[in-house]
PDB file of all heavy atoms in Angstrom:
ATOM      1  N   GLY A   1     -69.060  19.082 187.679  1.00  0.00           N
ATOM      2  CA  GLY A   1     -67.935  18.174 187.358  1.00  0.00           C
ATOM      3  C   GLY A   1     -66.643  18.872 187.107  1.00  0.00           C
ATOM      4  O   GLY A   1     -65.736  18.311 186.481  1.00  0.00           O
ATOM      5  N   PHE A   2     -66.506  20.136 187.624  1.00  0.00           N
ATOM      6  CA  PHE A   2     -65.266  20.864 187.498  1.00  0.00           C
ATOM      7  C   PHE A   2     -64.820  21.316 188.890  1.00  0.00           C
ATOM      8  O   PHE A   2     -65.608  21.923 189.634  1.00  0.00           O
ATOM      9  CB  PHE A   2     -65.442  22.110 186.612  1.00  0.00           C
ATOM     10  CG  PHE A   2     -64.189  22.949 186.464  1.00  0.00           C
ATOM     11  CD1 PHE A   2     -63.118  22.514 185.758  1.00  0.00           C
ATOM     12  CD2 PHE A   2     -64.096  24.205 187.094  1.00  0.00           C
ATOM     13  CE1 PHE A   2     -61.962  23.276 185.614  1.00  0.00           C
ATOM     14  CE2 PHE A   2     -62.972  24.955 186.974  1.00  0.00           C
ATOM     15  CZ  PHE A   2     -61.889  24.505 186.263  1.00  0.00           C
ATOM     16  N   ASP A   3     -63.612  20.959 189.277  1.00  0.00           N
ATOM     17  CA  ASP A   3     -63.045  21.314 190.567  1.00  0.00           C
ATOM     18  C   ASP A   3     -62.324  22.673 190.455  1.00  0.00           C
ATOM     19  O   ASP A   3     -61.254  22.753 189.892  1.00  0.00           O
ATOM     20  CB  ASP A   3     -62.120  20.238 191.034  1.00  0.00           C
ATOM     21  CG  ASP A   3     -61.580  20.461 192.470  1.00  0.00           C
ATOM     22  OD1 ASP A   3     -61.676  21.623 192.954  1.00  0.00           O
ATOM     23  OD2 ASP A   3     -61.130  19.495 193.087  1.00  0.00           O
ATOM     24  N   LYS A   4     -62.930  23.724 191.000  1.00  0.00           N
ATOM     25  CA  LYS A   4     -62.357  25.042 190.880  1.00  0.00           C
ATOM     26  C   LYS A   4     -61.076  25.187 191.676  1.00  0.00           C
ATOM     27  O   LYS A   4     -60.258  26.062 191.358  1.00  0.00           O
ATOM     28  CB  LYS A   4     -63.381  26.116 191.260  1.00  0.00           C
ATOM     29  CG  LYS A   4     -63.813  26.056 192.708  1.00  0.00           C
ATOM     30  CD  LYS A   4     -64.861  27.145 192.979  1.00  0.00           C
ATOM     31  CE  LYS A   4     -65.379  27.107 194.382  1.00  0.00           C
ATOM     32  NZ  LYS A   4     -66.409  28.145 194.616  1.00  0.00           N
ATOM     33  N   HIS A   5     -60.876  24.386 192.713  1.00  0.00           N
ATOM     34  CA  HIS A   5     -59.649  24.489 193.505  1.00  0.00           C
ATOM     35  C   HIS A   5     -58.418  23.964 192.780  1.00  0.00           C
ATOM     36  O   HIS A   5     -57.351  24.540 192.869  1.00  0.00           O
ATOM     37  CB  HIS A   5     -59.868  23.749 194.842  1.00  0.00           C
ATOM     38  CG  HIS A   5     -61.006  24.267 195.641  1.00  0.00           C
ATOM     39  ND1 HIS A   5     -61.039  25.520 196.202  1.00  0.00           N
ATOM     40  CD2 HIS A   5     -62.210  23.711 195.993  1.00  0.00           C
ATOM     41  CE1 HIS A   5     -62.159  25.712 196.843  1.00  0.00           C
ATOM     42  NE2 HIS A   5     -62.884  24.642 196.730  1.00  0.00           N
ATOM     43  N   SER A   6     -58.623  22.878 192.027  1.00  0.00           N
ATOM     44  CA  SER A   6     -57.510  22.300 191.256  1.00  0.00           C
ATOM     45  C   SER A   6     -57.538  22.690 189.788  1.00  0.00           C
ATOM     46  O   SER A   6     -56.647  22.352 189.018  1.00  0.00           O
ATOM     47  CB  SER A   6     -57.488  20.784 191.407  1.00  0.00           C
ATOM     48  OG  SER A   6     -58.684  20.244 190.847  1.00  0.00           O
ATOM     49  N   SER A   7     -58.589  23.410 189.404  1.00  0.00           N
ATOM     50  CA  SER A   7     -58.795  23.797 188.005  1.00  0.00           C
ATOM     51  C   SER A   7     -58.736  22.608 187.078  1.00  0.00           C
ATOM     52  O   SER A   7     -58.057  22.600 186.046  1.00  0.00           O
ATOM     53  CB  SER A   7     -57.735  24.847 187.570  1.00  0.00           C
ATOM     54  OG  SER A   7     -57.915  26.048 188.327  1.00  0.00           O
ATOM     55  N   SER A   8     -59.471  21.560 187.413  1.00  0.00           N
ATOM     56  CA  SER A   8     -59.452  20.335 186.608  1.00  0.00           C
ATOM     57  C   SER A   8     -60.837  19.733 186.571  1.00  0.00           C
ATOM     58  O   SER A   8     -61.662  19.960 187.450  1.00  0.00           O
ATOM     59  CB  SER A   8     -58.467  19.330 187.175  1.00  0.00           C
ATOM     60  OG  SER A   8     -58.830  18.944 188.530  1.00  0.00           O
ATOM     61  N   ILE A   9     -61.056  18.946 185.548  1.00  0.00           N
ATOM     62  CA  ILE A   9     -62.346  18.263 185.383  1.00  0.00           C
ATOM     63  C   ILE A   9     -62.369  17.063 186.343  1.00  0.00           C
ATOM     64  O   ILE A   9     -61.432  16.247 186.384  1.00  0.00           O
ATOM     65  CB  ILE A   9     -62.527  17.758 183.932  1.00  0.00           C
ATOM     66  CG1 ILE A   9     -62.695  18.953 183.027  1.00  0.00           C
ATOM     67  CG2 ILE A   9     -63.731  16.845 183.808  1.00  0.00           C
ATOM     68  CD1 ILE A   9     -62.658  18.643 181.536  1.00  0.00           C
ATOM     69  N   SER A  10     -63.410  16.966 187.169  1.00  0.00           N
ATOM     70  CA  SER A  10     -63.477  15.945 188.187  1.00  0.00           C
ATOM     71  C   SER A  10     -64.494  14.826 187.838  1.00  0.00           C
ATOM     72  O   SER A  10     -64.551  13.837 188.549  1.00  0.00           O
ATOM     73  CB  SER A  10     -63.876  16.565 189.541  1.00  0.00           C
ATOM     74  OG  SER A  10     -65.098  17.264 189.436  1.00  0.00           O
ATOM     75  N   ALA A  11     -65.242  14.996 186.750  1.00  0.00           N
ATOM     76  CA  ALA A  11     -66.235  13.995 186.351  1.00  0.00           C
ATOM     77  C   ALA A  11     -66.311  13.941 184.842  1.00  0.00           C
ATOM     78  O   ALA A  11     -66.484  14.971 184.175  1.00  0.00           O
ATOM     79  CB  ALA A  11     -67.622  14.311 186.950  1.00  0.00           C
ATOM     80  N   ALA A  12     -66.225  12.716 184.329  1.00  0.00           N
ATOM     81  CA  ALA A  12     -66.300  12.519 182.891  1.00  0.00           C
ATOM     82  C   ALA A  12     -67.636  12.961 182.312  1.00  0.00           C
ATOM     83  O   ALA A  12     -67.750  13.309 181.115  1.00  0.00           O
ATOM     84  CB  ALA A  12     -65.973  11.086 182.500  1.00  0.00           C
ATOM     85  N   THR A  13     -68.648  12.947 183.169  1.00  0.00           N
ATOM     86  CA  THR A  13     -69.997  13.317 182.710  1.00  0.00           C
ATOM     87  C   THR A  13     -70.282  14.799 182.990  1.00  0.00           C
ATOM     88  O   THR A  13     -71.457  15.215 182.972  1.00  0.00           O
ATOM     89  CB  THR A  13     -71.051  12.465 183.429  1.00  0.00           C
ATOM     90  OG1 THR A  13     -70.881  12.596 184.843  1.00  0.00           O
ATOM     91  CG2 THR A  13     -70.930  11.006 183.044  1.00  0.00           C
ATOM     92  N   GLY A  14     -69.251  15.555 183.230  1.00  0.00           N
ATOM     93  CA  GLY A  14     -69.420  16.963 183.575  1.00  0.00           C
ATOM     94  C   GLY A  14     -70.067  17.794 182.459  1.00  0.00           C
ATOM     95  O   GLY A  14     -70.071  17.382 181.280  1.00  0.00           O
ATOM     96  N   ALA A  15     -70.593  18.954 182.806  1.00  0.00           N
ATOM     97  CA  ALA A  15     -71.266  19.806 181.839  1.00  0.00           C
ATOM     98  C   ALA A  15     -71.395  21.251 182.337  1.00  0.00           C
ATOM     99  O   ALA A  15     -71.333  21.514 183.542  1.00  0.00           O
ATOM    100  CB  ALA A  15     -72.672  19.250 181.581  1.00  0.00           C
ATOM    101  N   ILE A  16     -71.535  22.132 181.407  1.00  0.00           N
ATOM    102  CA  ILE A  16     -71.954  23.504 181.696  1.00  0.00           C
ATOM    103  C   ILE A  16     -73.505  23.468 181.687  1.00  0.00           C
ATOM    104  O   ILE A  16     -74.094  23.055 180.698  1.00  0.00           O
ATOM    105  CB  ILE A  16     -71.464  24.487 180.616  1.00  0.00           C
ATOM    106  CG1 ILE A  16     -69.892  24.478 180.581  1.00  0.00           C
ATOM    107  CG2 ILE A  16     -71.964  25.896 180.883  1.00  0.00           C
ATOM    108  CD1 ILE A  16     -69.333  25.226 179.390  1.00  0.00           C
ATOM    109  N   VAL A  17     -74.138  23.928 182.770  1.00  0.00           N
ATOM    110  CA  VAL A  17     -75.573  23.795 182.815  1.00  0.00           C
ATOM    111  C   VAL A  17     -76.204  25.152 183.216  1.00  0.00           C
ATOM    112  O   VAL A  17     -75.610  25.956 183.906  1.00  0.00           O
ATOM    113  CB  VAL A  17     -76.038  22.699 183.872  1.00  0.00           C
ATOM    114  CG1 VAL A  17     -75.469  21.346 183.484  1.00  0.00           C
ATOM    115  CG2 VAL A  17     -75.617  23.087 185.266  1.00  0.00           C
ATOM    116  N   LEU A  18     -77.419  25.338 182.734  1.00  0.00           N
ATOM    117  CA  LEU A  18     -78.272  26.477 183.134  1.00  0.00           C
ATOM    118  C   LEU A  18     -79.399  25.867 183.962  1.00  0.00           C
ATOM    119  O   LEU A  18     -80.198  25.057 183.479  1.00  0.00           O
ATOM    120  CB  LEU A  18     -78.841  27.175 181.927  1.00  0.00           C
ATOM    121  CG  LEU A  18     -77.913  28.154 181.188  1.00  0.00           C
ATOM    122  CD1 LEU A  18     -78.630  28.672 179.911  1.00  0.00           C
ATOM    123  CD2 LEU A  18     -77.534  29.326 182.053  1.00  0.00           C
ATOM    124  N   LEU A  19     -79.483  26.279 185.232  1.00  0.00           N
ATOM    125  CA  LEU A  19     -80.504  25.776 186.162  1.00  0.00           C
ATOM    126  C   LEU A  19     -81.538  26.841 186.432  1.00  0.00           C
ATOM    127  O   LEU A  19     -81.218  28.035 186.609  1.00  0.00           O
ATOM    128  CB  LEU A  19     -79.890  25.317 187.475  1.00  0.00           C
ATOM    129  CG  LEU A  19     -78.867  24.180 187.447  1.00  0.00           C
ATOM    130  CD1 LEU A  19     -78.298  23.964 188.816  1.00  0.00           C
ATOM    131  CD2 LEU A  19     -79.525  22.921 186.962  1.00  0.00           C
ATOM    132  N   ASP A  20     -82.831  26.433 186.500  1.00  0.00           N
ATOM    133  CA  ASP A  20     -83.858  27.382 186.905  1.00  0.00           C
ATOM    134  C   ASP A  20     -83.981  27.352 188.445  1.00  0.00           C
ATOM    135  O   ASP A  20     -83.254  26.643 189.134  1.00  0.00           O
ATOM    136  CB  ASP A  20     -85.190  27.122 186.177  1.00  0.00           C
ATOM    137  CG  ASP A  20     -85.842  25.808 186.572  1.00  0.00           C
ATOM    138  OD1 ASP A  20     -85.460  25.184 187.578  1.00  0.00           O
ATOM    139  OD2 ASP A  20     -86.742  25.366 185.825  1.00  0.00           O
ATOM    140  N   ARG A  21     -84.966  28.098 188.946  1.00  0.00           N
ATOM    141  CA  ARG A  21     -85.060  28.239 190.406  1.00  0.00           C
ATOM    142  C   ARG A  21     -85.538  26.977 191.066  1.00  0.00           C
ATOM    143  O   ARG A  21     -85.435  26.810 192.300  1.00  0.00           O
ATOM    144  CB  ARG A  21     -86.053  29.387 190.722  1.00  0.00           C
ATOM    145  CG  ARG A  21     -85.448  30.753 190.509  1.00  0.00           C
ATOM    146  CD  ARG A  21     -86.405  31.904 190.648  1.00  0.00           C
ATOM    147  NE  ARG A  21     -87.406  31.865 189.587  1.00  0.00           N
ATOM    148  CZ  ARG A  21     -88.318  32.861 189.407  1.00  0.00           C
ATOM    149  NH1 ARG A  21     -88.341  33.894 190.225  1.00  0.00           N
ATOM    150  NH2 ARG A  21     -89.188  32.794 188.411  1.00  0.00           N
ATOM    151  N   ASN A  22     -86.030  26.002 190.275  1.00  0.00           N
ATOM    152  CA  ASN A  22     -86.425  24.692 190.827  1.00  0.00           C
ATOM    153  C   ASN A  22     -85.324  23.627 190.590  1.00  0.00           C
ATOM    154  O   ASN A  22     -85.629  22.425 190.701  1.00  0.00           O
ATOM    155  CB  ASN A  22     -87.741  24.234 190.211  1.00  0.00           C
ATOM    156  CG  ASN A  22     -88.885  25.167 190.533  1.00  0.00           C
ATOM    157  OD1 ASN A  22     -89.024  25.609 191.692  1.00  0.00           O
ATOM    158  ND2 ASN A  22     -89.689  25.495 189.522  1.00  0.00           N
ATOM    159  N   ASP A  23     -84.143  24.104 190.201  1.00  0.00           N
ATOM    160  CA  ASP A  23     -82.999  23.216 189.910  1.00  0.00           C
ATOM    161  C   ASP A  23     -83.260  22.315 188.724  1.00  0.00           C
ATOM    162  O   ASP A  23     -82.655  21.251 188.621  1.00  0.00           O
ATOM    163  CB  ASP A  23     -82.589  22.379 191.136  1.00  0.00           C
ATOM    164  CG  ASP A  23     -81.849  23.225 192.159  1.00  0.00           C
ATOM    165  OD1 ASP A  23     -81.257  24.259 191.787  1.00  0.00           O
ATOM    166  OD2 ASP A  23     -81.843  22.838 193.348  1.00  0.00           O
ATOM    167  N   ARG A  24     -84.169  22.700 187.848  1.00  0.00           N
ATOM    168  CA  ARG A  24     -84.380  21.970 186.635  1.00  0.00           C
ATOM    169  C   ARG A  24     -83.337  22.432 185.593  1.00  0.00           C
ATOM    170  O   ARG A  24     -83.038  23.656 185.493  1.00  0.00           O
ATOM    171  CB  ARG A  24     -85.783  22.230 186.099  1.00  0.00           C
ATOM    172  CG  ARG A  24     -86.133  21.431 184.833  1.00  0.00           C
ATOM    173  CD  ARG A  24     -87.530  21.838 184.317  1.00  0.00           C
ATOM    174  NE  ARG A  24     -87.913  20.962 183.199  1.00  0.00           N
ATOM    175  CZ  ARG A  24     -88.997  21.168 182.496  1.00  0.00           C
ATOM    176  NH1 ARG A  24     -89.813  22.187 182.742  1.00  0.00           N
ATOM    177  NH2 ARG A  24     -89.336  20.369 181.477  1.00  0.00           N
ATOM    178  N   VAL A  25     -82.780  21.498 184.819  1.00  0.00           N
ATOM    179  CA  VAL A  25     -81.789  21.849 183.815  1.00  0.00           C
ATOM    180  C   VAL A  25     -82.516  22.440 182.577  1.00  0.00           C
ATOM    181  O   VAL A  25     -83.191  21.712 181.843  1.00  0.00           O
ATOM    182  CB  VAL A  25     -80.942  20.627 183.394  1.00  0.00           C
ATOM    183  CG1 VAL A  25     -79.914  21.012 182.318  1.00  0.00           C
ATOM    184  CG2 VAL A  25     -80.185  20.061 184.624  1.00  0.00           C
ATOM    185  N   ALA A  26     -82.343  23.734 182.387  1.00  0.00           N
ATOM    186  CA  ALA A  26     -82.967  24.388 181.232  1.00  0.00           C
ATOM    187  C   ALA A  26     -82.208  24.101 179.947  1.00  0.00           C
ATOM    188  O   ALA A  26     -82.758  23.922 178.895  1.00  0.00           O
ATOM    189  CB  ALA A  26     -83.048  25.908 181.491  1.00  0.00           C
ATOM    190  N   ALA A  27     -80.841  24.082 180.068  1.00  0.00           N
ATOM    191  CA  ALA A  27     -79.977  23.770 178.939  1.00  0.00           C
ATOM    192  C   ALA A  27     -78.655  23.329 179.474  1.00  0.00           C
ATOM    193  O   ALA A  27     -78.250  23.751 180.552  1.00  0.00           O
ATOM    194  CB  ALA A  27     -79.840  24.981 177.993  1.00  0.00           C
ATOM    195  N   SER A  28     -77.938  22.503 178.706  1.00  0.00           N
ATOM    196  CA  SER A  28     -76.635  22.061 179.144  1.00  0.00           C
ATOM    197  C   SER A  28     -75.747  21.751 177.948  1.00  0.00           C
ATOM    198  O   SER A  28     -76.271  21.375 176.862  1.00  0.00           O
ATOM    199  CB  SER A  28     -76.713  20.840 180.080  1.00  0.00           C
ATOM    200  OG  SER A  28     -77.243  19.691 179.399  1.00  0.00           O
ATOM    201  N   TRP A  29     -74.455  21.841 178.154  1.00  0.00           N
ATOM    202  CA  TRP A  29     -73.462  21.508 177.164  1.00  0.00           C
ATOM    203  C   TRP A  29     -72.478  20.568 177.864  1.00  0.00           C
ATOM    204  O   TRP A  29     -71.758  20.936 178.783  1.00  0.00           O
ATOM    205  CB  TRP A  29     -72.684  22.751 176.701  1.00  0.00           C
ATOM    206  CG  TRP A  29     -73.520  23.755 176.005  1.00  0.00           C
ATOM    207  CD1 TRP A  29     -73.586  24.010 174.655  1.00  0.00           C
ATOM    208  CD2 TRP A  29     -74.343  24.768 176.635  1.00  0.00           C
ATOM    209  NE1 TRP A  29     -74.439  25.083 174.413  1.00  0.00           N
ATOM    210  CE2 TRP A  29     -74.925  25.549 175.572  1.00  0.00           C
ATOM    211  CE3 TRP A  29     -74.675  25.076 177.944  1.00  0.00           C
ATOM    212  CZ2 TRP A  29     -75.763  26.600 175.855  1.00  0.00           C
ATOM    213  CZ3 TRP A  29     -75.570  26.129 178.203  1.00  0.00           C
ATOM    214  CH2 TRP A  29     -76.087  26.883 177.153  1.00  0.00           C
ATOM    215  N   SER A  30     -72.422  19.312 177.412  1.00  0.00           N
ATOM    216  CA  SER A  30     -71.509  18.366 178.039  1.00  0.00           C
ATOM    217  C   SER A  30     -70.046  18.724 177.737  1.00  0.00           C
ATOM    218  O   SER A  30     -69.735  19.214 176.659  1.00  0.00           O
ATOM    219  CB  SER A  30     -71.797  16.942 177.543  1.00  0.00           C
ATOM    220  OG  SER A  30     -71.481  16.796 176.172  1.00  0.00           O
ATOM    221  N   PHE A  31     -69.204  18.458 178.713  1.00  0.00           N
ATOM    222  CA  PHE A  31     -67.752  18.678 178.495  1.00  0.00           C
ATOM    223  C   PHE A  31     -67.290  17.846 177.299  1.00  0.00           C
ATOM    224  O   PHE A  31     -66.432  18.305 176.506  1.00  0.00           O
ATOM    225  CB  PHE A  31     -66.940  18.284 179.732  1.00  0.00           C
ATOM    226  CG  PHE A  31     -67.160  19.183 180.919  1.00  0.00           C
ATOM    227  CD1 PHE A  31     -66.678  18.838 182.180  1.00  0.00           C
ATOM    228  CD2 PHE A  31     -67.747  20.421 180.789  1.00  0.00           C
ATOM    229  CE1 PHE A  31     -66.842  19.670 183.275  1.00  0.00           C
ATOM    230  CE2 PHE A  31     -67.942  21.265 181.888  1.00  0.00           C
ATOM    231  CZ  PHE A  31     -67.482  20.883 183.133  1.00  0.00           C
ATOM    232  N   ALA A  32     -67.816  16.623 177.154  1.00  0.00           N
ATOM    233  CA  ALA A  32     -67.414  15.769 176.064  1.00  0.00           C
ATOM    234  C   ALA A  32     -67.654  16.410 174.714  1.00  0.00           C
ATOM    235  O   ALA A  32     -66.871  16.250 173.772  1.00  0.00           O
ATOM    236  CB  ALA A  32     -68.125  14.429 176.145  1.00  0.00           C
ATOM    237  N   LYS A  33     -68.772  17.142 174.608  1.00  0.00           N
ATOM    238  CA  LYS A  33     -69.113  17.832 173.352  1.00  0.00           C
ATOM    239  C   LYS A  33     -68.146  18.983 173.095  1.00  0.00           C
ATOM    240  O   LYS A  33     -67.736  19.230 171.926  1.00  0.00           O
ATOM    241  CB  LYS A  33     -70.540  18.366 173.415  1.00  0.00           C
ATOM    242  CG  LYS A  33     -70.950  19.266 172.253  1.00  0.00           C
ATOM    243  CD  LYS A  33     -72.331  19.894 172.526  1.00  0.00           C
ATOM    244  CE  LYS A  33     -72.683  20.922 171.459  1.00  0.00           C
ATOM    245  NZ  LYS A  33     -73.117  20.347 170.185  1.00  0.00           N
ATOM    246  N   LEU A  34     -67.754  19.671 174.145  1.00  0.00           N
ATOM    247  CA  LEU A  34     -67.014  20.943 173.967  1.00  0.00           C
ATOM    248  C   LEU A  34     -65.512  20.738 173.900  1.00  0.00           C
ATOM    249  O   LEU A  34     -64.832  21.554 173.263  1.00  0.00           O
ATOM    250  CB  LEU A  34     -67.339  21.886 175.106  1.00  0.00           C
ATOM    251  CG  LEU A  34     -68.824  22.348 175.211  1.00  0.00           C
ATOM    252  CD1 LEU A  34     -69.007  23.231 176.439  1.00  0.00           C
ATOM    253  CD2 LEU A  34     -69.268  23.036 173.966  1.00  0.00           C
ATOM    254  N   ILE A  35     -64.979  19.731 174.587  1.00  0.00           N
ATOM    255  CA  ILE A  35     -63.544  19.569 174.640  1.00  0.00           C
ATOM    256  C   ILE A  35     -62.902  19.444 173.283  1.00  0.00           C
ATOM    257  O   ILE A  35     -61.965  20.197 172.962  1.00  0.00           O
ATOM    258  CB  ILE A  35     -63.146  18.307 175.520  1.00  0.00           C
ATOM    259  CG1 ILE A  35     -63.402  18.610 176.992  1.00  0.00           C
ATOM    260  CG2 ILE A  35     -61.693  17.928 175.288  1.00  0.00           C
ATOM    261  CD1 ILE A  35     -63.214  17.410 177.869  1.00  0.00           C
ATOM    262  N   ASP A  36     -63.385  18.568 172.445  1.00  0.00           N
ATOM    263  CA  ASP A  36     -62.787  18.352 171.134  1.00  0.00           C
ATOM    264  C   ASP A  36     -62.957  19.617 170.290  1.00  0.00           C
ATOM    265  O   ASP A  36     -62.010  20.005 169.600  1.00  0.00           O
ATOM    266  CB  ASP A  36     -63.421  17.131 170.436  1.00  0.00           C
ATOM    267  CG  ASP A  36     -62.783  16.801 169.126  1.00  0.00           C
ATOM    268  OD1 ASP A  36     -61.556  16.591 169.124  1.00  0.00           O
ATOM    269  OD2 ASP A  36     -63.504  16.783 168.100  1.00  0.00           O
ATOM    270  N   HIS A  37     -64.127  20.237 170.343  1.00  0.00           N
ATOM    271  CA  HIS A  37     -64.381  21.454 169.582  1.00  0.00           C
ATOM    272  C   HIS A  37     -63.403  22.527 169.954  1.00  0.00           C
ATOM    273  O   HIS A  37     -62.817  23.205 169.096  1.00  0.00           O
ATOM    274  CB  HIS A  37     -65.794  21.882 169.864  1.00  0.00           C
ATOM    275  CG  HIS A  37     -66.172  23.194 169.212  1.00  0.00           C
ATOM    276  ND1 HIS A  37     -66.847  23.241 167.997  1.00  0.00           N
ATOM    277  CD2 HIS A  37     -65.963  24.487 169.566  1.00  0.00           C
ATOM    278  CE1 HIS A  37     -67.023  24.497 167.652  1.00  0.00           C
ATOM    279  NE2 HIS A  37     -66.501  25.282 168.577  1.00  0.00           N
ATOM    280  N   TRP A  38     -63.172  22.717 171.274  1.00  0.00           N
ATOM    281  CA  TRP A  38     -62.288  23.768 171.714  1.00  0.00           C
ATOM    282  C   TRP A  38     -60.839  23.529 171.307  1.00  0.00           C
ATOM    283  O   TRP A  38     -60.175  24.423 170.768  1.00  0.00           O
ATOM    284  CB  TRP A  38     -62.388  23.892 173.250  1.00  0.00           C
ATOM    285  CG  TRP A  38     -61.433  24.906 173.809  1.00  0.00           C
ATOM    286  CD1 TRP A  38     -60.268  24.680 174.475  1.00  0.00           C
ATOM    287  CD2 TRP A  38     -61.551  26.334 173.688  1.00  0.00           C
ATOM    288  NE1 TRP A  38     -59.638  25.849 174.798  1.00  0.00           N
ATOM    289  CE2 TRP A  38     -60.384  26.909 174.319  1.00  0.00           C
ATOM    290  CE3 TRP A  38     -62.479  27.204 173.130  1.00  0.00           C
ATOM    291  CZ2 TRP A  38     -60.194  28.250 174.403  1.00  0.00           C
ATOM    292  CZ3 TRP A  38     -62.272  28.561 173.218  1.00  0.00           C
ATOM    293  CH2 TRP A  38     -61.128  29.091 173.818  1.00  0.00           C
ATOM    294  N   LYS A  39     -60.364  22.339 171.535  1.00  0.00           N
ATOM    295  CA  LYS A  39     -58.961  22.053 171.197  1.00  0.00           C
ATOM    296  C   LYS A  39     -58.731  22.105 169.697  1.00  0.00           C
ATOM    297  O   LYS A  39     -57.653  22.597 169.259  1.00  0.00           O
ATOM    298  CB  LYS A  39     -58.545  20.677 171.707  1.00  0.00           C
ATOM    299  CG  LYS A  39     -58.415  20.585 173.236  1.00  0.00           C
ATOM    300  CD  LYS A  39     -58.097  19.218 173.715  1.00  0.00           C
ATOM    301  CE  LYS A  39     -56.735  18.775 173.325  1.00  0.00           C
ATOM    302  NZ  LYS A  39     -56.406  17.433 173.814  1.00  0.00           N
ATOM    303  N   ARG A  40     -59.701  21.638 168.920  1.00  0.00           N
ATOM    304  CA  ARG A  40     -59.502  21.627 167.449  1.00  0.00           C
ATOM    305  C   ARG A  40     -59.543  23.056 166.908  1.00  0.00           C
ATOM    306  O   ARG A  40     -58.762  23.399 166.014  1.00  0.00           O
ATOM    307  CB  ARG A  40     -60.578  20.762 166.807  1.00  0.00           C
ATOM    308  CG  ARG A  40     -60.394  20.558 165.315  1.00  0.00           C
ATOM    309  CD  ARG A  40     -61.314  19.422 164.805  1.00  0.00           C
ATOM    310  NE  ARG A  40     -62.695  19.795 164.914  1.00  0.00           N
ATOM    311  CZ  ARG A  40     -63.592  19.178 165.696  1.00  0.00           C
ATOM    312  NH1 ARG A  40     -63.199  18.210 166.494  1.00  0.00           N
ATOM    313  NH2 ARG A  40     -64.829  19.580 165.714  1.00  0.00           N
TER     314      ARG A  40
END
């Protein structure tokens, strides 16, 4: 959910994710969780 070409968030449900070799989400941090924390 992050567009690296425009350096902008492209999806409200975006997240930082860790994927295993089967594309299973091992852990994730939603942008919604991190945005307020970072700015504050």
